[in-house]
N, C-alpha and C. Protein backbone atom coordinates (compact mmCIF):
# COMPACT_ATOMS: atom_id res chain seq x y z
N UNK A 1 8.01 -26.49 147.36
CA UNK A 1 9.03 -26.26 146.61
C UNK A 1 8.34 -24.29 146.27
N UNK A 2 8.88 -22.81 146.53
CA UNK A 2 9.13 -22.23 145.64
C UNK A 2 9.43 -21.75 144.35
N UNK A 3 9.17 -20.99 143.73
CA UNK A 3 10.22 -20.80 142.20
C UNK A 3 9.25 -19.27 142.36
N UNK A 4 10.54 -17.90 142.44
CA UNK A 4 10.61 -16.89 142.31
C UNK A 4 11.99 -15.86 140.79
N UNK A 5 10.73 -15.25 139.94
CA UNK A 5 11.61 -14.37 139.58
C UNK A 5 12.08 -13.18 139.36
N UNK A 6 13.40 -13.03 139.03
CA UNK A 6 13.49 -11.73 138.93
C UNK A 6 14.09 -11.16 137.85
N UNK A 7 14.78 -9.76 137.57
CA UNK A 7 15.03 -9.30 136.04
C UNK A 7 16.16 -8.85 137.41
N UNK A 8 17.28 -9.83 136.09
CA UNK A 8 18.70 -8.81 136.49
C UNK A 8 19.36 -8.37 134.92
N UNK A 9 19.94 -6.50 135.61
CA UNK A 9 20.42 -5.46 134.62
C UNK A 9 21.48 -5.78 134.39
N UNK A 10 22.37 -5.06 133.18
CA UNK A 10 23.95 -5.02 133.52
C UNK A 10 24.22 -6.67 132.33
N UNK A 11 23.56 -8.05 132.72
CA UNK A 11 24.06 -8.75 131.67
C UNK A 11 24.14 -8.71 130.22
N UNK A 12 26.15 -9.61 129.97
CA UNK A 12 26.27 -9.14 128.78
C UNK A 12 26.54 -10.67 127.57
N UNK A 13 26.55 -11.46 128.95
CA UNK A 13 27.23 -12.75 128.24
C UNK A 13 27.20 -14.06 128.99
N UNK A 14 27.68 -14.79 128.72
CA UNK A 14 27.76 -16.23 129.44
C UNK A 14 29.11 -16.35 130.67
N UNK A 15 29.66 -15.41 130.58
CA UNK A 15 30.03 -15.00 132.21
C UNK A 15 29.13 -14.32 133.15
N UNK A 16 28.71 -13.46 132.69
CA UNK A 16 28.10 -12.63 133.46
C UNK A 16 26.61 -14.06 134.17
N UNK A 17 25.86 -14.77 132.96
CA UNK A 17 24.84 -15.80 133.61
C UNK A 17 25.84 -16.59 135.08
N UNK A 18 27.03 -17.30 134.82
CA UNK A 18 28.11 -17.62 135.21
C UNK A 18 27.85 -16.90 136.14
N UNK A 19 27.90 -16.38 136.49
CA UNK A 19 28.68 -14.58 137.65
C UNK A 19 27.55 -14.96 138.82
N UNK A 20 26.14 -14.65 138.32
CA UNK A 20 25.15 -14.17 138.89
C UNK A 20 24.53 -16.01 138.89
N UNK A 21 24.14 -16.74 138.56
CA UNK A 21 24.03 -18.22 139.25
C UNK A 21 24.74 -18.62 140.00
N UNK A 22 25.98 -18.34 140.25
CA UNK A 22 27.16 -19.27 141.21
C UNK A 22 26.92 -18.31 142.57
N UNK A 23 26.50 -16.88 142.51
CA UNK A 23 26.01 -16.33 143.54
C UNK A 23 24.94 -16.76 144.08
N UNK A 24 23.87 -16.41 142.89
CA UNK A 24 22.63 -16.51 144.03
C UNK A 24 22.43 -17.83 144.08
N UNK A 25 22.62 -18.95 143.25
CA UNK A 25 22.90 -20.35 144.27
C UNK A 25 23.85 -20.33 145.85
N UNK A 26 24.66 -20.07 145.54
CA UNK A 26 25.13 -19.82 146.93
C UNK A 26 24.38 -19.48 148.84
N UNK A 27 23.35 -18.67 147.76
CA UNK A 27 21.84 -18.92 149.41
C UNK A 27 21.88 -20.36 149.65
N UNK A 28 21.61 -20.02 151.16
CA UNK A 28 20.72 -21.25 151.87
C UNK A 28 19.73 -22.06 151.28
N UNK A 29 19.65 -23.05 150.97
CA UNK A 29 18.26 -23.33 150.88
C UNK A 29 17.60 -22.90 149.40
N UNK A 30 18.27 -21.93 148.87
CA UNK A 30 17.90 -22.57 147.15
C UNK A 30 18.62 -23.66 146.20
N UNK A 31 17.91 -24.06 145.36
CA UNK A 31 17.95 -25.80 144.97
C UNK A 31 18.20 -25.65 143.35
N UNK A 32 17.73 -24.31 142.19
CA UNK A 32 17.81 -23.56 141.49
C UNK A 32 18.28 -23.11 141.21
N UNK A 33 18.61 -22.82 140.09
CA UNK A 33 18.79 -21.30 139.40
C UNK A 33 18.98 -21.41 137.71
N UNK A 34 17.73 -20.51 137.80
CA UNK A 34 17.71 -20.05 135.92
C UNK A 34 18.54 -18.93 135.18
N UNK A 35 18.80 -18.50 134.58
CA UNK A 35 19.08 -17.33 134.47
C UNK A 35 19.27 -17.27 133.16
N UNK A 36 18.36 -16.52 131.84
CA UNK A 36 17.60 -16.66 130.73
C UNK A 36 18.97 -14.88 129.96
N UNK A 37 20.14 -14.97 129.31
CA UNK A 37 20.28 -13.61 128.92
C UNK A 37 19.63 -12.69 128.27
N UNK A 38 19.29 -13.00 127.22
CA UNK A 38 18.29 -12.19 126.75
C UNK A 38 17.58 -11.29 126.96
N UNK A 39 16.74 -12.26 127.67
CA UNK A 39 15.28 -11.51 129.08
C UNK A 39 16.41 -10.75 130.69
N UNK A 40 17.05 -11.34 131.24
CA UNK A 40 17.26 -11.07 131.93
C UNK A 40 16.94 -11.50 133.33
N UNK A 41 15.82 -12.34 132.64
CA UNK A 41 15.65 -13.33 133.93
C UNK A 41 15.20 -14.21 134.72
N UNK A 42 16.08 -14.43 135.83
CA UNK A 42 16.47 -15.00 136.94
C UNK A 42 14.90 -15.54 137.72
N UNK A 43 15.14 -16.65 137.49
CA UNK A 43 13.91 -18.19 138.62
C UNK A 43 15.15 -18.56 139.39
N UNK A 44 14.63 -18.39 140.67
CA UNK A 44 15.37 -19.49 141.75
C UNK A 44 14.13 -20.17 142.07
N UNK A 45 14.31 -21.39 142.33
CA UNK A 45 13.61 -22.46 142.92
C UNK A 45 14.15 -22.87 144.64
N UNK A 46 12.86 -22.73 145.29
CA UNK A 46 13.61 -22.90 146.89
C UNK A 46 12.07 -24.13 147.12
N UNK A 47 12.90 -24.16 148.76
CA UNK A 47 12.60 -24.87 149.33
C UNK A 47 11.35 -23.98 150.55
N UNK A 48 11.73 -23.16 151.20
CA UNK A 48 10.70 -22.21 151.64
C UNK A 48 11.28 -20.68 150.59
N UNK A 49 10.38 -19.78 151.21
CA UNK A 49 10.62 -19.26 149.87
C UNK A 49 11.39 -17.62 150.64
N UNK A 50 12.28 -17.57 149.54
CA UNK A 50 13.50 -16.56 149.82
C UNK A 50 12.73 -15.21 150.03
N UNK A 51 13.48 -14.42 150.80
CA UNK A 51 14.15 -12.52 150.87
C UNK A 51 14.50 -12.42 150.06
N UNK A 52 13.80 -11.37 149.12
CA UNK A 52 14.31 -10.10 148.10
C UNK A 52 15.41 -9.75 148.07
N UNK A 53 16.34 -9.22 149.67
CA UNK A 53 17.39 -9.02 149.79
C UNK A 53 18.29 -9.47 149.38
N UNK A 54 18.39 -10.73 149.52
CA UNK A 54 18.92 -11.91 149.89
C UNK A 54 19.56 -12.26 148.40
N UNK A 55 18.32 -12.57 147.85
CA UNK A 55 19.15 -12.03 146.36
C UNK A 55 19.47 -11.19 145.01
N UNK A 56 19.07 -9.90 146.01
CA UNK A 56 19.60 -8.89 145.50
C UNK A 56 20.94 -8.54 146.20
N UNK A 57 20.98 -9.00 147.60
CA UNK A 57 22.94 -8.82 147.72
C UNK A 57 23.53 -9.42 147.02
N UNK A 58 22.89 -10.77 146.61
CA UNK A 58 24.11 -11.81 145.91
C UNK A 58 24.39 -11.23 144.52
N UNK A 59 23.00 -11.23 143.52
CA UNK A 59 23.36 -9.78 142.79
C UNK A 59 24.39 -9.20 142.04
N UNK A 60 24.05 -7.81 143.39
CA UNK A 60 24.74 -7.54 143.39
C UNK A 60 26.58 -7.95 143.69
N UNK A 61 26.77 -8.79 144.31
CA UNK A 61 27.89 -9.15 144.69
C UNK A 61 29.01 -9.75 143.15
N UNK A 62 27.87 -10.01 142.74
CA UNK A 62 28.14 -10.40 141.13
C UNK A 62 28.91 -9.37 140.47
N UNK A 63 28.33 -8.04 140.55
CA UNK A 63 28.67 -7.33 139.82
C UNK A 63 27.14 -6.47 138.66
N UNK A 64 25.88 -6.69 139.31
CA UNK A 64 24.81 -6.84 138.83
C UNK A 64 24.25 -6.46 139.70
N UNK A 65 22.72 -5.81 139.18
CA UNK A 65 21.39 -5.15 139.58
C UNK A 65 20.18 -6.07 139.51
N UNK A 66 19.38 -6.47 140.37
CA UNK A 66 17.68 -6.65 140.13
C UNK A 66 17.39 -4.87 139.94
N UNK A 67 16.23 -5.13 138.82
CA UNK A 67 15.66 -4.42 137.96
C UNK A 67 14.23 -3.84 139.08
N UNK A 68 14.37 -2.80 139.14
CA UNK A 68 12.89 -2.20 140.51
C UNK A 68 12.98 -1.88 141.62
């Protein structure tokens, strides 16, 4: 198992968290998604390392951005 943490910007409510969780959770290989609204922390767990570009694309599809 691999755990990666990213920072998502622009989230303001629980609907934002749900949108990001749904999009990122749909990436093949991801087994768990946790989003902390106050800090913007997005933690993903997967069997194999996940390409950041795939996570970035999913977050952008939800309407938000990864910091950095």
